[in-house]
Amino acid sequence: MLRDVMGKTFRLLGYTIQYGCIAHCAFEYLGGIVVCSGPSMEPTIQNSDIVFSENLSRHFYCIQKGDIVIAKSPNDPKSNICKRVIGLEGDKVCISSPSDFRKSHSYVPKGHVWLEGDNLRNSTDSRCYGPVPYGLIRGRICFKIWPLNDLGFLRASPNGHRFLDD
């Protein structure tokens, strides 16, 4: 009897570990569901919108200008940020806010990206903390799940003029 109980317990433990590892790999390498909070990505993503974030792009260095990404916050490693990629390494970016009379520019250093929220007047982004190391990117948002009336792929940036081609 004890042998049967021990056998069932070890089998259950084995299945739990096995499926736990599968779930970890799926969420770490494939993607997952993310609830976005805050006003920085309005109107593209509203507070409490639910999106799908795929993680393969960051592993294969396929992040492009215009993509919306989830990244670890450079200011607080315990929290994540949701921002749009404005510049990749070597790109010239406008580092001043839209209301500044005199525009200043800089280049994104190697191994970094420039991230900005779509709501430029209410976003803490690379204009505040500078270029973000590529290694902090967790995934690329590719699909909005909730609310259902907004279900689908995400819109282009309302700030397309901020992308520089120099």
N, C-alpha and C. Protein backbone atom coordinates (compact mmCIF):
# COMPACT_ATOMS: atom_id res chain seq x y z
N MET A 1 0.83 -1.19 0.00
CA MET A 1 0.00 0.00 0.00
C MET A 1 0.88 1.27 0.00
N LEU A 2 1.89 1.31 0.85
CA LEU A 2 2.79 2.46 0.90
C LEU A 2 3.52 2.63 -0.43
N ARG A 3 3.85 1.50 -1.06
CA ARG A 3 4.52 1.56 -2.37
C ARG A 3 3.62 2.20 -3.41
N ASP A 4 2.32 1.89 -3.40
CA ASP A 4 1.37 2.49 -4.35
C ASP A 4 1.24 4.00 -4.13
N VAL A 5 1.12 4.41 -2.87
CA VAL A 5 0.99 5.83 -2.55
C VAL A 5 2.25 6.58 -2.98
N MET A 6 3.41 6.02 -2.66
CA MET A 6 4.67 6.66 -3.04
C MET A 6 4.81 6.73 -4.56
N GLY A 7 4.42 5.66 -5.25
CA GLY A 7 4.49 5.64 -6.72
C GLY A 7 3.61 6.71 -7.33
N LYS A 8 2.37 6.84 -6.85
CA LYS A 8 1.44 7.85 -7.36
C LYS A 8 1.95 9.26 -7.05
N THR A 9 2.51 9.43 -5.85
CA THR A 9 3.04 10.73 -5.47
C THR A 9 4.20 11.15 -6.37
N PHE A 10 5.12 10.24 -6.62
CA PHE A 10 6.27 10.56 -7.49
C PHE A 10 5.84 10.79 -8.94
N ARG A 11 4.84 10.02 -9.40
CA ARG A 11 4.33 10.24 -10.76
C ARG A 11 3.71 11.63 -10.87
N LEU A 12 2.89 12.00 -9.86
CA LEU A 12 2.27 13.32 -9.85
C LEU A 12 3.33 14.42 -9.80
N LEU A 13 4.33 14.24 -8.98
CA LEU A 13 5.42 15.20 -8.88
C LEU A 13 6.17 15.30 -10.22
N GLY A 14 6.41 14.16 -10.86
CA GLY A 14 7.08 14.15 -12.16
C GLY A 14 6.29 14.88 -13.23
N TYR A 15 4.96 14.63 -13.28
CA TYR A 15 4.12 15.34 -14.24
C TYR A 15 4.08 16.84 -13.96
N THR A 16 4.03 17.21 -12.68
CA THR A 16 4.00 18.63 -12.31
C THR A 16 5.28 19.33 -12.77
N ILE A 17 6.41 18.72 -12.53
CA ILE A 17 7.68 19.31 -12.95
C ILE A 17 7.76 19.37 -14.47
N GLN A 18 7.34 18.30 -15.14
CA GLN A 18 7.40 18.25 -16.59
C GLN A 18 6.53 19.34 -17.22
N TYR A 19 5.28 19.46 -16.77
CA TYR A 19 4.39 20.46 -17.35
C TYR A 19 4.78 21.87 -16.91
N GLY A 20 5.36 21.99 -15.73
CA GLY A 20 5.87 23.29 -15.29
C GLY A 20 7.00 23.78 -16.19
N CYS A 21 7.89 22.86 -16.56
CA CYS A 21 8.99 23.22 -17.47
C CYS A 21 8.47 23.60 -18.85
N ILE A 22 7.49 22.88 -19.33
CA ILE A 22 6.89 23.19 -20.64
C ILE A 22 6.24 24.58 -20.59
N ALA A 23 5.49 24.85 -19.53
CA ALA A 23 4.83 26.16 -19.40
C ALA A 23 5.87 27.27 -19.31
N HIS A 24 6.93 27.06 -18.53
CA HIS A 24 7.99 28.07 -18.41
C HIS A 24 8.60 28.37 -19.77
N CYS A 25 8.94 27.33 -20.52
CA CYS A 25 9.55 27.53 -21.84
C CYS A 25 8.60 28.24 -22.79
N ALA A 26 7.31 27.89 -22.73
CA ALA A 26 6.33 28.54 -23.60
C ALA A 26 6.23 30.03 -23.29
N PHE A 27 6.14 30.39 -22.01
CA PHE A 27 6.01 31.79 -21.64
C PHE A 27 7.32 32.56 -21.84
N GLU A 28 8.44 31.92 -21.64
CA GLU A 28 9.74 32.60 -21.77
C GLU A 28 10.15 32.78 -23.23
N TYR A 29 9.92 31.78 -24.06
CA TYR A 29 10.44 31.82 -25.43
C TYR A 29 9.39 32.05 -26.50
N LEU A 30 8.14 31.66 -26.27
CA LEU A 30 7.12 31.84 -27.29
C LEU A 30 6.32 33.12 -27.11
N GLY A 31 5.79 33.34 -25.92
CA GLY A 31 5.03 34.55 -25.68
C GLY A 31 4.00 34.34 -24.60
N GLY A 32 3.19 35.37 -24.40
CA GLY A 32 2.17 35.31 -23.37
C GLY A 32 1.22 36.48 -23.43
N ILE A 33 0.26 36.45 -22.54
CA ILE A 33 -0.76 37.47 -22.44
C ILE A 33 -0.27 38.55 -21.46
N VAL A 34 -0.46 39.82 -21.84
CA VAL A 34 0.00 40.95 -21.02
C VAL A 34 -1.16 41.92 -20.84
N VAL A 35 -1.37 42.37 -19.61
CA VAL A 35 -2.34 43.43 -19.32
C VAL A 35 -1.55 44.73 -19.22
N CYS A 36 -1.86 45.69 -20.08
CA CYS A 36 -1.14 46.96 -20.11
C CYS A 36 -1.82 47.96 -19.18
N SER A 37 -1.00 48.75 -18.49
CA SER A 37 -1.56 49.77 -17.62
C SER A 37 -0.82 51.08 -17.84
N GLY A 38 -1.55 52.17 -17.65
CA GLY A 38 -0.96 53.49 -17.81
C GLY A 38 -1.36 54.14 -19.12
N PRO A 39 -1.21 55.46 -19.19
CA PRO A 39 -1.66 56.23 -20.35
C PRO A 39 -0.60 56.44 -21.43
N SER A 40 0.62 55.93 -21.27
CA SER A 40 1.71 56.32 -22.17
C SER A 40 1.54 55.83 -23.60
N MET A 41 0.76 54.79 -23.86
CA MET A 41 0.61 54.29 -25.22
C MET A 41 -0.72 54.67 -25.85
N GLU A 42 -1.50 55.54 -25.20
CA GLU A 42 -2.77 55.98 -25.78
C GLU A 42 -2.49 56.78 -27.04
N PRO A 43 -3.26 56.70 -28.09
CA PRO A 43 -4.52 55.99 -28.22
C PRO A 43 -4.37 54.54 -28.69
N THR A 44 -3.16 54.10 -29.00
CA THR A 44 -2.97 52.75 -29.55
C THR A 44 -3.37 51.68 -28.54
N ILE A 45 -2.87 51.80 -27.32
CA ILE A 45 -3.20 50.86 -26.25
C ILE A 45 -3.71 51.66 -25.07
N GLN A 46 -4.92 51.34 -24.62
CA GLN A 46 -5.54 52.03 -23.49
C GLN A 46 -5.20 51.30 -22.19
N ASN A 47 -5.41 51.97 -21.08
CA ASN A 47 -5.23 51.37 -19.76
C ASN A 47 -6.12 50.12 -19.65
N SER A 48 -5.58 49.02 -19.18
CA SER A 48 -6.26 47.74 -18.97
C SER A 48 -6.51 46.95 -20.26
N ASP A 49 -5.98 47.37 -21.39
CA ASP A 49 -6.08 46.55 -22.60
C ASP A 49 -5.26 45.28 -22.40
N ILE A 50 -5.70 44.20 -23.01
CA ILE A 50 -4.99 42.93 -22.93
C ILE A 50 -4.43 42.62 -24.32
N VAL A 51 -3.14 42.31 -24.37
CA VAL A 51 -2.45 42.08 -25.64
C VAL A 51 -1.67 40.77 -25.59
N PHE A 52 -1.29 40.28 -26.77
CA PHE A 52 -0.42 39.11 -26.86
C PHE A 52 0.98 39.58 -27.22
N SER A 53 1.94 39.14 -26.43
CA SER A 53 3.34 39.49 -26.65
C SER A 53 4.11 38.25 -27.07
N GLU A 54 4.72 38.30 -28.25
CA GLU A 54 5.54 37.16 -28.69
C GLU A 54 7.00 37.45 -28.37
N ASN A 55 7.73 36.42 -27.96
CA ASN A 55 9.10 36.62 -27.49
C ASN A 55 10.18 36.15 -28.46
N LEU A 56 9.80 35.54 -29.57
CA LEU A 56 10.80 35.02 -30.51
C LEU A 56 11.58 36.14 -31.19
N SER A 57 10.93 37.26 -31.47
CA SER A 57 11.59 38.37 -32.18
C SER A 57 12.82 38.86 -31.44
N ARG A 58 12.73 38.95 -30.13
CA ARG A 58 13.88 39.47 -29.37
C ARG A 58 15.04 38.49 -29.39
N HIS A 59 14.75 37.20 -29.43
CA HIS A 59 15.82 36.20 -29.46
C HIS A 59 16.54 36.17 -30.80
N PHE A 60 15.81 36.49 -31.88
CA PHE A 60 16.40 36.46 -33.22
C PHE A 60 16.74 37.85 -33.73
N TYR A 61 16.73 38.84 -32.84
CA TYR A 61 17.07 40.23 -33.18
C TYR A 61 16.24 40.73 -34.37
N CYS A 62 14.93 40.50 -34.30
CA CYS A 62 14.03 40.91 -35.37
C CYS A 62 13.18 42.12 -34.97
N ILE A 63 13.54 42.81 -33.91
CA ILE A 63 12.78 44.00 -33.49
C ILE A 63 13.08 45.11 -34.51
N GLN A 64 12.02 45.78 -34.98
CA GLN A 64 12.17 46.83 -35.98
C GLN A 64 11.58 48.14 -35.49
N LYS A 65 11.94 49.22 -36.17
CA LYS A 65 11.34 50.52 -35.87
C LYS A 65 9.84 50.42 -36.06
N GLY A 66 9.09 50.99 -35.12
CA GLY A 66 7.64 50.97 -35.18
C GLY A 66 7.01 49.86 -34.36
N ASP A 67 7.78 48.84 -33.99
CA ASP A 67 7.26 47.75 -33.16
C ASP A 67 6.96 48.26 -31.75
N ILE A 68 5.94 47.70 -31.13
CA ILE A 68 5.65 47.99 -29.73
C ILE A 68 6.21 46.83 -28.93
N VAL A 69 7.00 47.15 -27.90
CA VAL A 69 7.68 46.11 -27.14
C VAL A 69 7.36 46.22 -25.65
N ILE A 70 7.51 45.10 -24.98
CA ILE A 70 7.49 45.04 -23.52
C ILE A 70 8.96 44.93 -23.11
N ALA A 71 9.39 45.77 -22.18
CA ALA A 71 10.78 45.76 -21.73
C ALA A 71 10.82 45.96 -20.22
N LYS A 72 11.90 45.50 -19.61
CA LYS A 72 12.14 45.80 -18.20
C LYS A 72 12.41 47.29 -18.11
N SER A 73 11.86 47.94 -17.11
CA SER A 73 12.08 49.37 -16.93
C SER A 73 13.52 49.63 -16.53
N PRO A 74 14.20 50.56 -17.21
CA PRO A 74 15.57 50.91 -16.81
C PRO A 74 15.62 51.55 -15.42
N ASN A 75 14.51 52.16 -15.00
CA ASN A 75 14.44 52.82 -13.69
C ASN A 75 14.07 51.86 -12.56
N ASP A 76 13.28 50.82 -12.88
CA ASP A 76 12.79 49.89 -11.86
C ASP A 76 12.75 48.48 -12.46
N PRO A 77 13.77 47.67 -12.22
CA PRO A 77 13.85 46.34 -12.84
C PRO A 77 12.71 45.40 -12.46
N LYS A 78 11.94 45.75 -11.42
CA LYS A 78 10.81 44.90 -11.02
C LYS A 78 9.57 45.15 -11.87
N SER A 79 9.56 46.23 -12.63
CA SER A 79 8.38 46.54 -13.45
C SER A 79 8.72 46.51 -14.93
N ASN A 80 7.68 46.33 -15.73
CA ASN A 80 7.81 46.31 -17.19
C ASN A 80 7.23 47.59 -17.77
N ILE A 81 7.72 47.96 -18.94
CA ILE A 81 7.18 49.10 -19.67
C ILE A 81 6.71 48.64 -21.04
N CYS A 82 5.77 49.35 -21.59
CA CYS A 82 5.25 49.07 -22.92
C CYS A 82 5.47 50.33 -23.74
N LYS A 83 6.34 50.26 -24.74
CA LYS A 83 6.70 51.44 -25.55
C LYS A 83 6.92 51.03 -27.00
N ARG A 84 6.98 52.05 -27.87
CA ARG A 84 7.22 51.82 -29.29
C ARG A 84 8.70 52.07 -29.60
N VAL A 85 9.27 51.23 -30.46
CA VAL A 85 10.66 51.39 -30.88
C VAL A 85 10.72 52.52 -31.91
N ILE A 86 11.45 53.57 -31.56
CA ILE A 86 11.60 54.72 -32.46
C ILE A 86 12.92 54.65 -33.20
N GLY A 87 13.94 54.08 -32.55
CA GLY A 87 15.24 53.98 -33.20
C GLY A 87 16.01 52.75 -32.75
N LEU A 88 16.78 52.20 -33.68
CA LEU A 88 17.65 51.06 -33.42
C LEU A 88 19.09 51.55 -33.36
N GLU A 89 20.02 50.68 -33.00
CA GLU A 89 21.41 51.11 -32.87
C GLU A 89 21.89 51.78 -34.16
N GLY A 90 22.54 52.93 -33.97
CA GLY A 90 23.06 53.69 -35.10
C GLY A 90 22.09 54.70 -35.68
N ASP A 91 20.80 54.61 -35.32
CA ASP A 91 19.81 55.55 -35.85
C ASP A 91 19.92 56.92 -35.18
N LYS A 92 19.60 57.95 -35.93
CA LYS A 92 19.54 59.31 -35.40
C LYS A 92 18.13 59.52 -34.87
N VAL A 93 18.00 59.97 -33.61
CA VAL A 93 16.69 60.18 -33.00
C VAL A 93 16.59 61.58 -32.44
N CYS A 94 15.36 62.08 -32.37
CA CYS A 94 15.08 63.38 -31.77
C CYS A 94 14.93 63.15 -30.27
N ILE A 95 15.81 63.77 -29.47
CA ILE A 95 15.79 63.52 -28.03
C ILE A 95 15.05 64.59 -27.25
N SER A 96 14.50 65.59 -27.93
CA SER A 96 13.75 66.63 -27.25
C SER A 96 12.26 66.30 -27.28
N SER A 97 11.50 66.91 -26.39
CA SER A 97 10.06 66.67 -26.37
C SER A 97 9.41 67.46 -27.50
N PRO A 98 8.20 67.07 -27.90
CA PRO A 98 7.54 67.71 -29.05
C PRO A 98 7.31 69.21 -28.85
N SER A 99 7.19 69.66 -27.61
CA SER A 99 6.90 71.08 -27.36
C SER A 99 8.15 71.96 -27.35
N ASP A 100 9.33 71.35 -27.34
CA ASP A 100 10.57 72.12 -27.33
C ASP A 100 10.73 72.88 -28.64
N PHE A 101 11.12 74.15 -28.52
CA PHE A 101 11.32 74.98 -29.70
C PHE A 101 12.54 74.51 -30.49
N ARG A 102 13.62 74.27 -29.78
CA ARG A 102 14.86 73.83 -30.42
C ARG A 102 14.96 72.31 -30.34
N LYS A 103 15.03 71.68 -31.45
CA LYS A 103 15.10 70.22 -31.51
C LYS A 103 16.55 69.77 -31.41
N SER A 104 16.79 68.76 -30.57
CA SER A 104 18.14 68.20 -30.48
C SER A 104 18.09 66.72 -30.85
N HIS A 105 19.20 66.26 -31.43
CA HIS A 105 19.27 64.90 -31.93
C HIS A 105 20.47 64.17 -31.35
N SER A 106 20.39 62.84 -31.38
CA SER A 106 21.48 62.00 -30.92
C SER A 106 21.42 60.68 -31.69
N TYR A 107 22.46 59.89 -31.55
CA TYR A 107 22.48 58.58 -32.19
C TYR A 107 22.31 57.50 -31.13
N VAL A 108 21.57 56.44 -31.48
CA VAL A 108 21.35 55.32 -30.56
C VAL A 108 22.63 54.48 -30.55
N PRO A 109 23.20 54.23 -29.36
CA PRO A 109 24.45 53.47 -29.29
C PRO A 109 24.26 51.99 -29.63
N LYS A 110 25.35 51.33 -29.92
CA LYS A 110 25.34 49.91 -30.25
C LYS A 110 24.73 49.11 -29.10
N GLY A 111 23.86 48.16 -29.44
CA GLY A 111 23.24 47.29 -28.44
C GLY A 111 22.07 47.92 -27.70
N HIS A 112 21.56 49.05 -28.21
CA HIS A 112 20.47 49.76 -27.55
C HIS A 112 19.34 50.06 -28.53
N VAL A 113 18.18 50.43 -28.00
CA VAL A 113 17.04 50.91 -28.79
C VAL A 113 16.52 52.18 -28.13
N TRP A 114 15.82 52.99 -28.90
CA TRP A 114 15.19 54.20 -28.38
C TRP A 114 13.69 53.93 -28.32
N LEU A 115 13.11 54.02 -27.12
CA LEU A 115 11.70 53.70 -26.90
C LEU A 115 10.93 54.96 -26.50
N GLU A 116 9.73 55.12 -27.08
CA GLU A 116 8.85 56.24 -26.71
C GLU A 116 7.42 55.75 -26.67
N GLY A 117 6.63 56.36 -25.80
CA GLY A 117 5.20 56.09 -25.77
C GLY A 117 4.51 56.86 -26.87
N ASP A 118 3.35 56.37 -27.32
CA ASP A 118 2.59 57.08 -28.35
C ASP A 118 1.99 58.38 -27.81
N ASN A 119 1.73 58.43 -26.52
CA ASN A 119 1.20 59.62 -25.87
C ASN A 119 2.39 60.45 -25.38
N LEU A 120 2.97 61.22 -26.27
CA LEU A 120 4.24 61.91 -26.00
C LEU A 120 4.16 62.88 -24.81
N ARG A 121 3.00 63.43 -24.56
CA ARG A 121 2.86 64.39 -23.47
C ARG A 121 2.72 63.70 -22.10
N ASN A 122 2.47 62.40 -22.09
CA ASN A 122 2.26 61.70 -20.82
C ASN A 122 2.98 60.36 -20.85
N SER A 123 4.27 60.39 -21.13
CA SER A 123 5.04 59.15 -21.22
C SER A 123 6.44 59.36 -20.65
N THR A 124 6.82 58.46 -19.76
CA THR A 124 8.20 58.41 -19.29
C THR A 124 8.90 57.38 -20.16
N ASP A 125 9.85 57.82 -20.97
CA ASP A 125 10.45 56.93 -21.96
C ASP A 125 11.91 57.31 -22.18
N SER A 126 12.47 56.94 -23.31
CA SER A 126 13.89 57.19 -23.57
C SER A 126 14.24 58.67 -23.55
N ARG A 127 13.27 59.54 -23.73
CA ARG A 127 13.55 60.97 -23.61
C ARG A 127 13.91 61.33 -22.18
N CYS A 128 13.51 60.49 -21.22
CA CYS A 128 13.83 60.71 -19.79
C CYS A 128 15.03 59.87 -19.36
N TYR A 129 15.04 58.58 -19.72
CA TYR A 129 16.10 57.70 -19.22
C TYR A 129 17.11 57.26 -20.27
N GLY A 130 17.02 57.78 -21.46
CA GLY A 130 18.01 57.50 -22.49
C GLY A 130 17.78 56.19 -23.22
N PRO A 131 18.74 55.79 -24.05
CA PRO A 131 18.60 54.55 -24.81
C PRO A 131 18.48 53.34 -23.87
N VAL A 132 17.72 52.36 -24.30
CA VAL A 132 17.47 51.17 -23.48
C VAL A 132 18.27 50.01 -24.06
N PRO A 133 19.02 49.28 -23.22
CA PRO A 133 19.77 48.12 -23.72
C PRO A 133 18.82 47.09 -24.34
N TYR A 134 19.23 46.53 -25.48
CA TYR A 134 18.41 45.54 -26.18
C TYR A 134 18.06 44.36 -25.27
N GLY A 135 18.95 44.02 -24.36
CA GLY A 135 18.73 42.89 -23.46
C GLY A 135 17.57 43.07 -22.51
N LEU A 136 17.07 44.30 -22.34
CA LEU A 136 15.92 44.53 -21.47
C LEU A 136 14.59 44.25 -22.17
N ILE A 137 14.61 44.09 -23.48
CA ILE A 137 13.37 43.81 -24.22
C ILE A 137 12.91 42.39 -23.88
N ARG A 138 11.64 42.27 -23.49
CA ARG A 138 11.06 40.97 -23.12
C ARG A 138 10.26 40.36 -24.26
N GLY A 139 9.62 41.19 -25.08
CA GLY A 139 8.80 40.66 -26.17
C GLY A 139 8.24 41.78 -27.02
N ARG A 140 7.63 41.37 -28.14
CA ARG A 140 7.03 42.33 -29.07
C ARG A 140 5.52 42.12 -29.07
N ILE A 141 4.78 43.19 -28.87
CA ILE A 141 3.32 43.09 -28.87
C ILE A 141 2.86 43.06 -30.32
N CYS A 142 2.07 42.06 -30.64
CA CYS A 142 1.65 41.94 -32.04
C CYS A 142 0.13 41.91 -32.21
N PHE A 143 -0.63 41.75 -31.13
CA PHE A 143 -2.06 41.54 -31.29
C PHE A 143 -2.79 42.02 -30.04
N LYS A 144 -3.88 42.77 -30.24
CA LYS A 144 -4.71 43.19 -29.11
C LYS A 144 -5.86 42.19 -28.95
N ILE A 145 -6.03 41.71 -27.73
CA ILE A 145 -7.06 40.70 -27.44
C ILE A 145 -8.31 41.32 -26.83
N TRP A 146 -8.11 42.32 -25.96
CA TRP A 146 -9.23 42.92 -25.25
C TRP A 146 -9.05 44.41 -25.20
N PRO A 147 -10.07 45.19 -25.43
CA PRO A 147 -11.48 44.86 -25.57
C PRO A 147 -11.80 44.26 -26.94
N LEU A 148 -12.84 43.46 -26.96
CA LEU A 148 -13.18 42.73 -28.19
C LEU A 148 -13.46 43.64 -29.37
N ASN A 149 -14.00 44.83 -29.14
CA ASN A 149 -14.28 45.73 -30.27
C ASN A 149 -13.00 46.28 -30.89
N ASP A 150 -11.86 46.07 -30.23
CA ASP A 150 -10.56 46.51 -30.73
C ASP A 150 -9.66 45.32 -31.08
N LEU A 151 -10.23 44.12 -31.11
CA LEU A 151 -9.48 42.89 -31.38
C LEU A 151 -8.75 43.00 -32.72
N GLY A 152 -7.48 42.65 -32.74
CA GLY A 152 -6.74 42.64 -34.00
C GLY A 152 -5.33 43.18 -33.85
N PHE A 153 -4.69 43.33 -34.99
CA PHE A 153 -3.31 43.84 -35.01
C PHE A 153 -3.31 45.31 -34.63
N LEU A 154 -2.20 45.78 -34.11
CA LEU A 154 -2.12 47.14 -33.60
C LEU A 154 -1.93 48.16 -34.71
N ARG A 155 -2.40 49.37 -34.45
CA ARG A 155 -2.30 50.47 -35.42
C ARG A 155 -0.87 50.98 -35.52
N ALA A 156 -0.61 51.69 -36.61
CA ALA A 156 0.69 52.34 -36.79
C ALA A 156 0.80 53.49 -35.80
N SER A 157 1.99 53.97 -35.62
CA SER A 157 2.26 55.04 -34.66
C SER A 157 1.58 56.34 -35.07
N PRO A 158 0.92 57.01 -34.13
CA PRO A 158 0.37 58.33 -34.44
C PRO A 158 1.47 59.39 -34.51
N ASN A 159 2.70 58.99 -34.16
CA ASN A 159 3.84 59.91 -34.17
C ASN A 159 4.86 59.49 -35.22
N GLY A 160 4.40 59.07 -36.38
CA GLY A 160 5.29 58.61 -37.43
C GLY A 160 6.33 59.64 -37.84
N HIS A 161 6.02 60.90 -37.62
CA HIS A 161 6.96 61.97 -37.96
C HIS A 161 8.21 61.94 -37.08
N ARG A 162 8.18 61.20 -35.97
CA ARG A 162 9.33 61.12 -35.05
C ARG A 162 10.39 60.14 -35.57
N PHE A 163 10.02 59.34 -36.55
CA PHE A 163 11.01 58.40 -37.14
C PHE A 163 11.87 59.19 -38.11
N LEU A 164 13.15 59.24 -37.85
CA LEU A 164 14.07 59.99 -38.72
C LEU A 164 14.75 59.04 -39.68
N ASP A 165 14.98 59.49 -40.90
CA ASP A 165 15.63 58.65 -41.91
C ASP A 165 17.03 59.10 -42.23
N ASP A 166 17.62 59.95 -41.40
CA ASP A 166 19.00 60.44 -41.67
C ASP A 166 20.01 59.39 -41.37
